[in-house]
Amino acid sequence: MDPADASVVPPSPNSPSAASRRLLPWLVAVAFFMESLDTTILNTAVPTISAALGVAPLSMKAVLASYTLSLAVFIPISGWMADRFGTRRVFSTAIGLFTLGSLLCGISSDIHLLVACRILQGCGGAMMVPVGRLTLVRTFAKSDLLRTMSFVSIPALVAPMLGPIAGGLIVGYLHWRFIFFLNIPIGLVGLILVYKHLPDYRQAITPALDIVGLILFGSGIALLSYVLEIFGEHALSGREMSGLLALSFVLLAGYWIHAKGLPFPLLQLRLFSIRTFRAAVSGSFFTRLGIGGVPFLLPLLYQVGLGFTPIQSGLLIMPQAIASMGMKTIMPSLLRRVGYRVVLVSNTLILGVLLLVFATIGPGTPVWLIVLQAFIYGAFSSLQYSSMNTLVYADITDKDTSSASSIASTMQQMSVSFGVATAGLATAFFIPSTHSNAVEMVHGIHKALTALGVLTIASTMVFRSLKSGDGDDVSMHKVLHPGG
């Protein structure tokens, strides 16, 4: 039997119960929240942790980068792991590793041990997001997928906004170790719920793991992520940075050549021949180049330009989360009425314009206007992310869902790094001096936001390849679908 024709083995012994179907989105959303929050909550505590461990603050970059590198390396094999060992076992193992890593991070007294534990955390985090999405795609019909995915995407929008506030409160009123201990009760409850309610999907026959592809792609992605993490810090010379960047491209090109000659490569690059998949993944990547740096630039603008504290700055961004949750109620009907092409083209354009509007915020801007702009931006960014995430699976068959999930998650992780790096590059270009005063900083951030806004507007060209009927299977709710 050809593994490509192997059908997905459904949950045993029966299909998911109604209670499990209702609880599954909440379970996946909580896992997403844990993973997303962990990437931002630690930033606020860097000075405190470095002082406690007796190291320079710059040395803490290894603690932050090790998690990102671990994600980049292990996300590509998540789909194969789920197909081979089952979604329930892999997802529960991911939560277990993430929780264990959190515990070990919290009791670490040495920076080298902390880095090793962060790598363990990243192994778990790399499996949670793609396997969680894969389980949702295989549990719910495409007609129900938009509503479900829009719900579970909220944590990815909320967590980066709550992270700085939560980190500041924990460091200020508790102890930095509680940043990691916070994940332990959530992880333990999640493990219990996974064993009770998560469906266990797996492929009847799974091809052998592409070891060579894993080495080439994993090394290339890890090296590229590392270069992006240290970009702008002058830790390496320009020649060294260029050399590492060139080596990462050589490794990724080597994987592309290697994958073309295999029937079952690590990542099925042939999926990019599907118009909806290609537009969703590449469009998501290029759009995030523009808007991905907003969580980095806005706090800088509010704190340096307007003089707000980190907690006040976080509160100014909070309306984005409120709007994101509100948008999910009207999103399905909006996509059903106008279609993915119109929504993604127009919405990307609107986001670009909103970045240009953010570039007008200054000391004289009323707080209510900043809040209003944040609310509007949150609504449209929620629509953007949910539309792109669900369009990925519009024309994907059951046997390709795991590979599609791995590719989409890998590209999303890379786009986050690229987005922050792009924002940092733009800011460094317009603020060449590290000793610039507040007025110069605000002026430079305004120019950076303007450049990113123009870049976001230009990314609408990717979505123009879509046709009017693309994604209808996802946006059109089938009333007669059982359990819908």
Protein backbone atom coordinates (compact mmCIF):
# COMPACT_ATOMS: atom_id res chain seq x y z
CA MET A 1 0.00 0.00 0.00
CA ASP A 2 1.31 3.44 -0.93
CA PRO A 3 1.70 5.61 2.18
CA ALA A 4 0.43 8.57 0.23
CA ASP A 5 -2.89 6.83 -0.07
CA ALA A 6 -3.04 5.92 3.61
CA SER A 7 -6.17 7.22 5.21
CA VAL A 8 -6.26 8.94 8.55
CA VAL A 9 -7.14 6.53 11.31
CA PRO A 10 -10.03 8.12 13.22
CA PRO A 11 -10.23 8.30 16.99
CA SER A 12 -10.92 4.97 18.61
CA PRO A 13 -13.33 3.50 19.31
CA ASN A 14 -15.81 6.15 18.18
CA SER A 15 -15.85 9.68 16.85
CA PRO A 16 -15.33 12.48 19.38
CA SER A 17 -18.28 13.00 21.69
CA ALA A 18 -20.25 16.22 21.67
CA ALA A 19 -18.61 17.23 24.96
CA SER A 20 -15.15 16.62 23.52
CA ARG A 21 -15.95 18.65 20.41
CA ARG A 22 -17.08 21.55 22.58
CA LEU A 23 -14.06 21.35 24.86
CA LEU A 24 -11.42 20.74 22.18
CA PRO A 25 -11.15 24.37 20.96
CA TRP A 26 -10.75 25.56 24.56
CA LEU A 27 -8.06 22.98 25.22
CA VAL A 28 -6.09 23.91 22.11
CA ALA A 29 -6.57 27.63 22.84
CA VAL A 30 -5.09 27.23 26.34
CA ALA A 31 -2.07 25.38 24.90
CA PHE A 32 -1.62 28.14 22.31
CA PHE A 33 -1.84 30.73 25.08
CA MET A 34 0.90 29.01 27.10
CA GLU A 35 3.21 28.87 24.10
CA SER A 36 2.50 32.44 22.95
CA LEU A 37 2.75 33.98 26.42
CA ASP A 38 6.10 32.33 27.09
CA THR A 39 7.70 34.12 24.14
CA THR A 40 6.92 37.58 25.55
CA ILE A 41 6.53 37.39 29.34
CA LEU A 42 10.24 36.75 29.89
CA ASN A 43 11.39 39.97 28.19
CA THR A 44 10.30 42.21 31.07
CA ALA A 45 12.18 40.11 33.64
CA VAL A 46 15.53 39.97 31.80
CA PRO A 47 17.32 42.57 34.02
CA THR A 48 16.04 40.94 37.21
CA ILE A 49 16.95 37.39 36.18
CA SER A 50 20.40 38.42 34.94
CA ALA A 51 21.12 40.09 38.30
CA ALA A 52 19.88 37.04 40.21
CA LEU A 53 22.06 34.68 38.17
CA GLY A 54 25.07 36.99 38.32
CA VAL A 55 25.45 37.50 34.57
CA ALA A 56 25.36 40.51 32.25
CA PRO A 57 21.90 41.36 30.80
CA LEU A 58 23.27 40.76 27.29
CA SER A 59 24.03 37.15 28.24
CA MET A 60 20.28 36.61 28.72
CA LYS A 61 19.88 36.77 24.95
CA ALA A 62 20.88 33.10 24.89
CA VAL A 63 17.91 32.29 27.14
CA LEU A 64 15.53 34.03 24.74
CA ALA A 65 17.15 32.76 21.54
CA SER A 66 17.41 29.12 22.66
CA TYR A 67 13.62 28.85 22.87
CA THR A 68 13.13 30.31 19.39
CA LEU A 69 15.81 28.06 17.91
CA SER A 70 14.21 25.01 19.47
CA LEU A 71 10.86 25.94 17.96
CA ALA A 72 12.41 26.41 14.53
CA VAL A 73 14.12 23.00 14.59
CA PHE A 74 11.30 20.83 15.94
CA ILE A 75 8.19 22.33 14.31
CA PRO A 76 8.93 20.67 10.92
CA ILE A 77 8.74 17.13 12.38
CA SER A 78 5.54 17.77 14.34
CA GLY A 79 3.31 16.61 11.49
CA TRP A 80 5.23 13.36 11.00
CA MET A 81 5.20 12.73 14.77
CA ALA A 82 1.42 13.16 14.91
CA ASP A 83 0.89 10.83 11.94
CA ARG A 84 3.23 8.20 13.38
CA PHE A 85 2.36 8.23 17.09
CA GLY A 86 -1.09 9.82 17.17
CA THR A 87 -2.28 13.33 17.96
CA ARG A 88 -3.21 12.54 21.57
CA ARG A 89 0.16 11.07 22.50
CA VAL A 90 2.17 13.79 20.76
CA PHE A 91 0.04 16.65 22.08
CA SER A 92 0.16 15.32 25.65
CA THR A 93 3.92 14.77 25.36
CA ALA A 94 4.29 18.34 24.11
CA ILE A 95 2.39 19.74 27.10
CA GLY A 96 4.37 17.47 29.42
CA LEU A 97 7.73 18.60 28.04
CA PHE A 98 6.67 22.24 28.13
CA THR A 99 5.48 21.93 31.75
CA LEU A 100 8.59 20.01 32.84
CA GLY A 101 10.79 22.55 31.09
CA SER A 102 8.95 25.36 32.89
CA LEU A 103 9.53 23.69 36.27
CA LEU A 104 13.23 23.18 35.58
CA CYS A 105 13.59 26.76 34.34
CA GLY A 106 12.00 28.00 37.55
CA ILE A 107 14.47 26.16 39.78
CA SER A 108 17.55 26.88 37.67
CA SER A 109 20.36 28.70 39.42
CA ASP A 110 22.81 28.76 36.50
CA ILE A 111 22.37 30.43 33.12
CA HIS A 112 23.68 27.40 31.21
CA LEU A 113 21.14 25.15 32.90
CA LEU A 114 18.44 27.73 32.20
CA VAL A 115 19.33 27.71 28.49
CA ALA A 116 19.14 23.89 28.40
CA CYS A 117 15.73 23.94 30.09
CA ARG A 118 14.49 26.56 27.64
CA ILE A 119 15.45 24.22 24.80
CA LEU A 120 13.33 21.52 26.47
CA GLN A 121 10.47 24.00 26.69
CA GLY A 122 10.87 24.78 23.01
CA CYS A 123 10.63 21.08 22.11
CA GLY A 124 7.21 20.99 23.73
CA GLY A 125 6.09 24.33 22.34
CA ALA A 126 7.09 23.30 18.82
CA MET A 127 4.64 20.38 18.93
CA MET A 128 1.71 22.13 20.62
CA VAL A 129 0.70 24.64 17.97
CA PRO A 130 0.90 22.55 14.74
CA VAL A 131 -0.49 19.36 16.33
CA GLY A 132 -3.29 21.36 17.95
CA ARG A 133 -4.22 22.86 14.59
CA LEU A 134 -3.98 19.45 12.95
CA THR A 135 -6.40 17.96 15.50
CA LEU A 136 -8.90 20.76 14.90
CA VAL A 137 -8.70 20.36 11.12
CA ARG A 138 -9.36 16.61 11.38
CA THR A 139 -12.15 16.96 13.94
CA PHE A 140 -14.22 19.74 12.42
CA ALA A 141 -15.62 20.00 8.91
CA LYS A 142 -14.18 22.75 6.73
CA SER A 143 -17.49 24.56 7.06
CA ASP A 144 -16.93 24.78 10.84
CA LEU A 145 -13.21 25.43 10.66
CA LEU A 146 -13.37 29.21 10.37
CA ARG A 147 -15.39 29.62 13.54
CA THR A 148 -13.13 27.22 15.45
CA MET A 149 -9.81 28.59 14.21
CA SER A 150 -10.86 32.19 14.80
CA PHE A 151 -11.50 31.26 18.42
CA VAL A 152 -8.20 29.49 19.05
CA SER A 153 -6.22 32.26 17.29
CA ILE A 154 -7.20 34.77 19.98
CA PRO A 155 -4.48 33.61 22.43
CA ALA A 156 -1.81 34.33 19.82
CA LEU A 157 -3.09 37.93 19.71
CA VAL A 158 -3.76 38.36 23.44
CA ALA A 159 -0.62 36.75 24.87
CA PRO A 160 1.91 39.25 23.40
CA MET A 161 -0.14 42.06 24.92
CA LEU A 162 -0.47 40.45 28.35
CA GLY A 163 3.13 39.22 28.46
CA PRO A 164 4.87 42.51 29.34
CA ILE A 165 2.19 43.40 31.93
CA ALA A 166 2.23 39.94 33.54
CA GLY A 167 6.04 39.87 33.58
CA GLY A 168 6.22 43.29 35.21
CA LEU A 169 3.66 42.39 37.89
CA ILE A 170 5.33 39.07 38.71
CA VAL A 171 8.79 40.61 38.99
CA GLY A 172 7.45 43.57 40.95
CA TYR A 173 5.26 41.75 43.47
CA LEU A 174 6.34 38.08 43.49
CA HIS A 175 9.57 36.49 42.23
CA TRP A 176 10.97 36.01 38.75
CA ARG A 177 10.74 32.22 39.13
CA PHE A 178 6.92 32.46 39.12
CA ILE A 179 7.15 33.44 35.44
CA PHE A 180 7.94 29.78 34.79
CA PHE A 181 5.92 28.28 37.65
CA LEU A 182 2.79 29.91 36.16
CA ASN A 183 2.75 27.23 33.45
CA ILE A 184 2.79 24.25 35.83
CA PRO A 185 -0.87 24.16 37.06
CA ILE A 186 -2.12 25.02 33.57
CA GLY A 187 -0.02 22.23 32.08
CA LEU A 188 -1.17 19.63 34.63
CA VAL A 189 -4.84 20.43 34.05
CA GLY A 190 -4.19 20.36 30.31
CA LEU A 191 -2.68 16.86 30.51
CA ILE A 192 -5.77 15.52 32.26
CA LEU A 193 -8.12 17.09 29.73
CA VAL A 194 -6.03 15.86 26.79
CA TYR A 195 -6.31 12.23 27.89
CA LYS A 196 -10.05 12.62 28.40
CA HIS A 197 -11.11 14.67 25.42
CA LEU A 198 -8.45 14.99 22.70
CA PRO A 199 -9.17 12.77 19.66
CA ASP A 200 -6.36 10.39 18.69
CA TYR A 201 -5.75 10.63 14.94
CA ARG A 202 -2.89 8.90 13.15
CA GLN A 203 -2.01 7.69 9.67
CA ALA A 204 -2.57 4.00 8.93
CA ILE A 205 0.87 3.86 7.28
CA THR A 206 3.57 6.45 7.90
CA PRO A 207 6.64 6.85 5.64
CA ALA A 208 10.08 6.78 7.23
CA LEU A 209 11.28 10.09 8.67
CA ASP A 210 13.38 12.11 6.23
CA ILE A 211 16.52 12.31 8.41
CA VAL A 212 18.66 14.08 5.81
CA GLY A 213 15.90 16.60 5.19
CA LEU A 214 15.55 17.19 8.93
CA ILE A 215 19.28 17.91 9.24
CA LEU A 216 19.36 20.24 6.23
CA PHE A 217 16.14 22.10 6.93
CA GLY A 218 16.50 22.14 10.73
CA SER A 219 20.08 23.43 10.54
CA GLY A 220 19.16 26.06 7.96
CA ILE A 221 16.15 27.31 9.88
CA ALA A 222 17.98 27.27 13.23
CA LEU A 223 20.91 29.22 11.79
CA LEU A 224 18.62 31.72 10.11
CA SER A 225 16.65 32.18 13.36
CA TYR A 226 19.89 32.74 15.25
CA VAL A 227 21.03 35.42 12.81
CA LEU A 228 17.69 37.18 13.17
CA GLU A 229 17.81 36.96 16.96
CA ILE A 230 21.22 38.65 17.21
CA PHE A 231 20.59 41.07 14.36
CA GLY A 232 21.46 44.65 15.27
CA GLU A 233 23.28 43.78 18.49
CA HIS A 234 26.78 43.92 16.99
CA ALA A 235 27.62 40.59 18.67
CA LEU A 236 29.17 39.51 15.36
CA SER A 237 30.88 41.45 12.61
CA GLY A 238 29.10 42.21 9.36
CA ARG A 239 31.25 39.65 7.55
CA GLU A 240 30.41 36.95 10.10
CA MET A 241 26.70 37.77 9.92
CA SER A 242 26.78 37.64 6.12
CA GLY A 243 28.62 34.32 6.20
CA LEU A 244 26.11 32.72 8.57
CA LEU A 245 23.22 34.10 6.54
CA ALA A 246 24.70 32.71 3.32
CA LEU A 247 25.28 29.32 4.98
CA SER A 248 21.66 29.17 6.15
CA PHE A 249 20.47 29.85 2.59
CA VAL A 250 22.81 27.15 1.25
CA LEU A 251 21.39 24.62 3.73
CA LEU A 252 17.79 25.56 2.85
CA ALA A 253 18.58 25.39 -0.88
CA GLY A 254 20.14 21.99 -0.24
CA TYR A 255 16.93 20.84 1.39
CA TRP A 256 14.89 22.10 -1.58
CA ILE A 257 17.05 20.11 -3.98
CA HIS A 258 16.93 17.07 -1.69
CA ALA A 259 13.14 17.24 -1.25
CA LYS A 260 12.46 17.43 -4.99
CA GLY A 261 13.81 13.91 -5.47
CA LEU A 262 11.87 12.24 -2.64
CA PRO A 263 8.30 10.92 -2.66
CA PHE A 264 7.91 11.63 1.09
CA PRO A 265 10.15 14.53 2.15
CA LEU A 266 10.09 16.17 5.57
CA LEU A 267 7.87 18.96 4.23
CA GLN A 268 5.75 18.51 1.13
CA LEU A 269 6.80 21.52 -0.94
CA ARG A 270 4.45 20.38 -3.72
CA LEU A 271 1.62 21.86 -1.62
CA PHE A 272 2.74 25.29 -2.81
CA SER A 273 1.29 24.36 -6.20
CA ILE A 274 -2.16 24.72 -4.59
CA ARG A 275 -3.24 28.32 -5.12
CA THR A 276 -5.06 28.82 -1.80
CA PHE A 277 -2.26 27.24 0.23
CA ARG A 278 0.42 29.24 -1.58
CA ALA A 279 -1.45 32.52 -1.12
CA ALA A 280 -2.24 31.87 2.54
CA VAL A 281 1.29 30.84 3.57
CA SER A 282 3.26 33.33 1.47
CA GLY A 283 0.72 36.10 2.10
CA SER A 284 0.94 35.48 5.84
CA PHE A 285 4.73 35.65 5.67
CA PHE A 286 4.92 38.93 3.74
CA THR A 287 2.11 40.58 5.70
CA ARG A 288 3.81 39.75 9.00
CA LEU A 289 6.98 41.43 7.74
CA GLY A 290 5.04 44.67 8.08
CA ILE A 291 2.71 44.15 11.02
CA GLY A 292 4.92 41.69 12.92
CA GLY A 293 7.01 44.49 14.36
CA VAL A 294 4.07 46.40 15.84
CA PRO A 295 4.30 44.71 19.29
CA PHE A 296 7.96 45.82 19.34
CA LEU A 297 7.49 49.40 18.11
CA LEU A 298 4.34 50.53 19.93
CA PRO A 299 5.60 49.94 23.49
CA LEU A 300 8.79 51.75 22.51
CA LEU A 301 6.76 54.67 21.16
CA TYR A 302 4.48 54.86 24.20
CA GLN A 303 7.24 54.60 26.80
CA VAL A 304 9.90 56.76 25.12
CA GLY A 305 7.68 59.25 23.35
CA LEU A 306 4.74 59.59 25.70
CA GLY A 307 6.44 58.78 29.00
CA PHE A 308 4.12 55.96 30.04
CA THR A 309 5.29 53.18 32.35
CA PRO A 310 5.59 49.61 30.99
CA ILE A 311 2.29 48.65 32.64
CA GLN A 312 0.52 51.75 31.28
CA SER A 313 1.96 51.00 27.86
CA GLY A 314 0.60 47.47 28.06
CA LEU A 315 -2.83 48.77 29.03
CA LEU A 316 -2.85 51.03 25.97
CA ILE A 317 -2.36 47.93 23.80
CA MET A 318 -5.02 45.89 25.62
CA PRO A 319 -7.94 47.19 23.48
CA GLN A 320 -6.45 45.16 20.63
CA ALA A 321 -7.24 41.97 22.56
CA ILE A 322 -10.80 43.09 23.31
CA ALA A 323 -11.43 43.89 19.66
CA SER A 324 -9.89 40.56 18.60
CA MET A 325 -12.38 38.64 20.71
CA GLY A 326 -15.28 40.71 19.42
CA MET A 327 -14.32 40.25 15.78
CA LYS A 328 -14.68 36.45 15.93
CA THR A 329 -18.45 36.80 16.24
CA ILE A 330 -18.89 38.57 12.89
CA MET A 331 -15.96 37.04 11.01
CA PRO A 332 -17.73 33.95 9.58
CA SER A 333 -20.63 35.95 8.17
CA LEU A 334 -18.26 38.56 6.73
CA LEU A 335 -16.18 35.96 4.89
CA ARG A 336 -19.31 34.17 3.76
CA ARG A 337 -20.68 37.35 2.22
CA VAL A 338 -17.63 38.77 0.44
CA GLY A 339 -15.16 35.86 0.23
CA TYR A 340 -11.52 35.41 1.14
CA ARG A 341 -10.07 37.33 -1.78
CA VAL A 342 -11.92 40.56 -1.07
CA VAL A 343 -11.36 40.30 2.69
CA LEU A 344 -7.62 39.61 2.51
CA VAL A 345 -6.86 42.19 -0.16
CA SER A 346 -8.89 44.98 1.48
CA ASN A 347 -8.00 44.03 5.06
CA THR A 348 -4.27 43.98 4.35
CA LEU A 349 -4.60 47.42 2.78
CA ILE A 350 -6.46 48.71 5.85
CA LEU A 351 -3.78 47.34 8.19
CA GLY A 352 -1.12 49.16 6.20
CA VAL A 353 -3.06 52.40 6.48
CA LEU A 354 -3.49 51.88 10.22
CA LEU A 355 0.27 51.62 10.61
CA LEU A 356 0.55 54.96 8.87
CA VAL A 357 -1.98 56.33 11.37
CA PHE A 358 0.06 54.97 14.29
CA ALA A 359 2.96 57.00 12.89
CA THR A 360 1.05 60.17 13.82
CA ILE A 361 0.87 59.42 17.56
CA GLY A 362 2.86 61.93 19.60
CA PRO A 363 2.95 63.63 23.01
CA GLY A 364 -0.13 65.66 22.17
CA THR A 365 -2.29 62.71 21.08
CA PRO A 366 -5.26 62.16 23.44
CA VAL A 367 -5.29 58.80 25.24
CA TRP A 368 -8.82 58.06 24.02
CA LEU A 369 -7.64 58.35 20.41
CA ILE A 370 -4.74 55.95 21.06
CA VAL A 371 -7.20 53.49 22.62
CA LEU A 372 -9.57 53.83 19.66
CA GLN A 373 -6.78 53.20 17.16
CA ALA A 374 -5.64 50.15 19.13
CA PHE A 375 -9.20 48.79 19.17
CA ILE A 376 -9.63 49.20 15.41
CA TYR A 377 -6.22 47.67 14.71
CA GLY A 378 -7.03 44.70 16.95
CA ALA A 379 -10.23 43.98 15.05
CA PHE A 380 -8.63 44.03 11.62
CA SER A 381 -5.51 42.12 12.70
CA SER A 382 -7.74 39.41 14.18
CA LEU A 383 -9.62 39.16 10.89
CA GLN A 384 -6.32 38.97 9.01
CA TYR A 385 -4.75 36.20 11.06
CA SER A 386 -7.86 34.03 11.23
CA SER A 387 -8.53 34.38 7.51
CA MET A 388 -4.97 33.42 6.59
CA ASN A 389 -4.83 30.53 9.07
CA THR A 390 -8.04 28.93 7.82
CA LEU A 391 -7.39 29.49 4.10
CA VAL A 392 -4.32 27.25 4.47
CA TYR A 393 -6.58 24.18 4.69
CA ALA A 394 -9.21 25.19 2.12
CA ASP A 395 -8.04 22.77 -0.59
CA ILE A 396 -5.83 20.43 1.46
CA THR A 397 -6.74 16.72 1.51
CA ASP A 398 -6.83 14.67 4.71
CA LYS A 399 -3.52 12.95 3.98
CA ASP A 400 -1.75 16.29 3.56
CA THR A 401 -3.14 18.11 6.61
CA SER A 402 -0.18 17.23 8.85
CA SER A 403 2.37 18.46 6.30
CA ALA A 404 0.33 21.60 5.65
CA SER A 405 0.15 22.31 9.38
CA SER A 406 3.92 21.86 9.77
CA ILE A 407 4.71 24.16 6.83
CA ALA A 408 2.25 26.83 7.98
CA SER A 409 3.56 26.76 11.57
CA THR A 410 7.20 26.84 10.45
CA MET A 411 6.61 29.78 8.14
CA GLN A 412 4.64 31.57 10.84
CA GLN A 413 7.47 31.14 13.35
CA MET A 414 9.96 32.47 10.81
CA SER A 415 7.72 35.39 9.89
CA VAL A 416 7.55 36.43 13.55
CA SER A 417 11.36 36.56 13.70
CA PHE A 418 11.53 38.34 10.34
CA GLY A 419 8.87 40.83 11.43
CA VAL A 420 10.72 41.86 14.57
CA ALA A 421 14.03 41.96 12.66
CA THR A 422 12.45 44.14 9.96
CA ALA A 423 11.09 46.54 12.60
CA GLY A 424 14.50 46.64 14.28
CA LEU A 425 16.24 47.30 10.97
CA ALA A 426 13.83 50.09 10.08
CA THR A 427 14.19 51.69 13.52
CA ALA A 428 18.00 51.39 13.48
CA PHE A 429 18.09 52.95 10.01
CA PHE A 430 16.08 55.99 11.06
CA ILE A 431 17.70 56.25 14.52
CA PRO A 432 21.39 55.68 13.80
CA SER A 433 22.58 56.97 17.17
CA THR A 434 22.07 54.94 20.35
CA HIS A 435 22.16 58.19 22.36
CA SER A 436 19.25 59.86 20.57
CA ASN A 437 16.90 61.91 22.72
CA ALA A 438 13.18 61.23 23.09
CA VAL A 439 12.16 63.55 20.25
CA GLU A 440 14.60 61.91 17.83
CA MET A 441 13.45 58.45 18.95
CA VAL A 442 9.79 59.27 18.33
CA HIS A 443 10.63 60.76 14.94
CA GLY A 444 12.58 57.63 13.99
CA ILE A 445 9.83 55.29 15.18
CA HIS A 446 7.30 57.29 13.14
CA LYS A 447 9.42 56.79 10.04
CA ALA A 448 9.81 53.08 10.81
CA LEU A 449 6.04 52.67 11.18
CA THR A 450 5.54 54.52 7.90
CA ALA A 451 7.98 52.20 6.11
CA LEU A 452 6.30 49.12 7.58
CA GLY A 453 2.89 50.48 6.60
CA VAL A 454 4.00 50.85 2.99
CA LEU A 455 5.46 47.32 3.09
CA THR A 456 2.16 45.96 4.41
CA ILE A 457 0.19 47.70 1.67
CA ALA A 458 2.55 46.23 -0.94
CA SER A 459 1.92 42.71 0.45
CA THR A 460 -1.67 42.87 -0.82
CA MET A 461 -0.29 41.81 -4.21
CA VAL A 462 0.15 38.25 -2.89
CA PHE A 463 -3.56 37.87 -2.21
CA ARG A 464 -4.55 39.13 -5.66
CA SER A 465 -3.74 35.67 -7.02
CA LEU A 466 -6.84 34.34 -5.25
CA LYS A 467 -10.09 33.89 -7.14
CA SER A 468 -13.56 34.83 -5.98
CA GLY A 469 -14.62 31.30 -5.03
CA ASP A 470 -11.44 30.33 -3.17
CA GLY A 471 -12.07 29.23 0.40
CA ASP A 472 -15.83 28.83 0.04
CA ASP A 473 -15.66 25.34 1.58
CA VAL A 474 -14.32 26.94 4.73
CA SER A 475 -16.47 30.06 4.91
CA MET A 476 -19.77 28.54 3.78
CA HIS A 477 -21.39 26.84 6.77
CA LYS A 478 -23.22 23.64 5.85
CA VAL A 479 -26.31 23.55 8.00
CA LEU A 480 -26.86 19.83 7.48
CA HIS A 481 -23.38 18.85 8.63
CA PRO A 482 -23.71 16.65 11.71
CA GLY A 483 -22.33 18.22 14.82
CA GLY A 484 -21.81 21.56 13.06
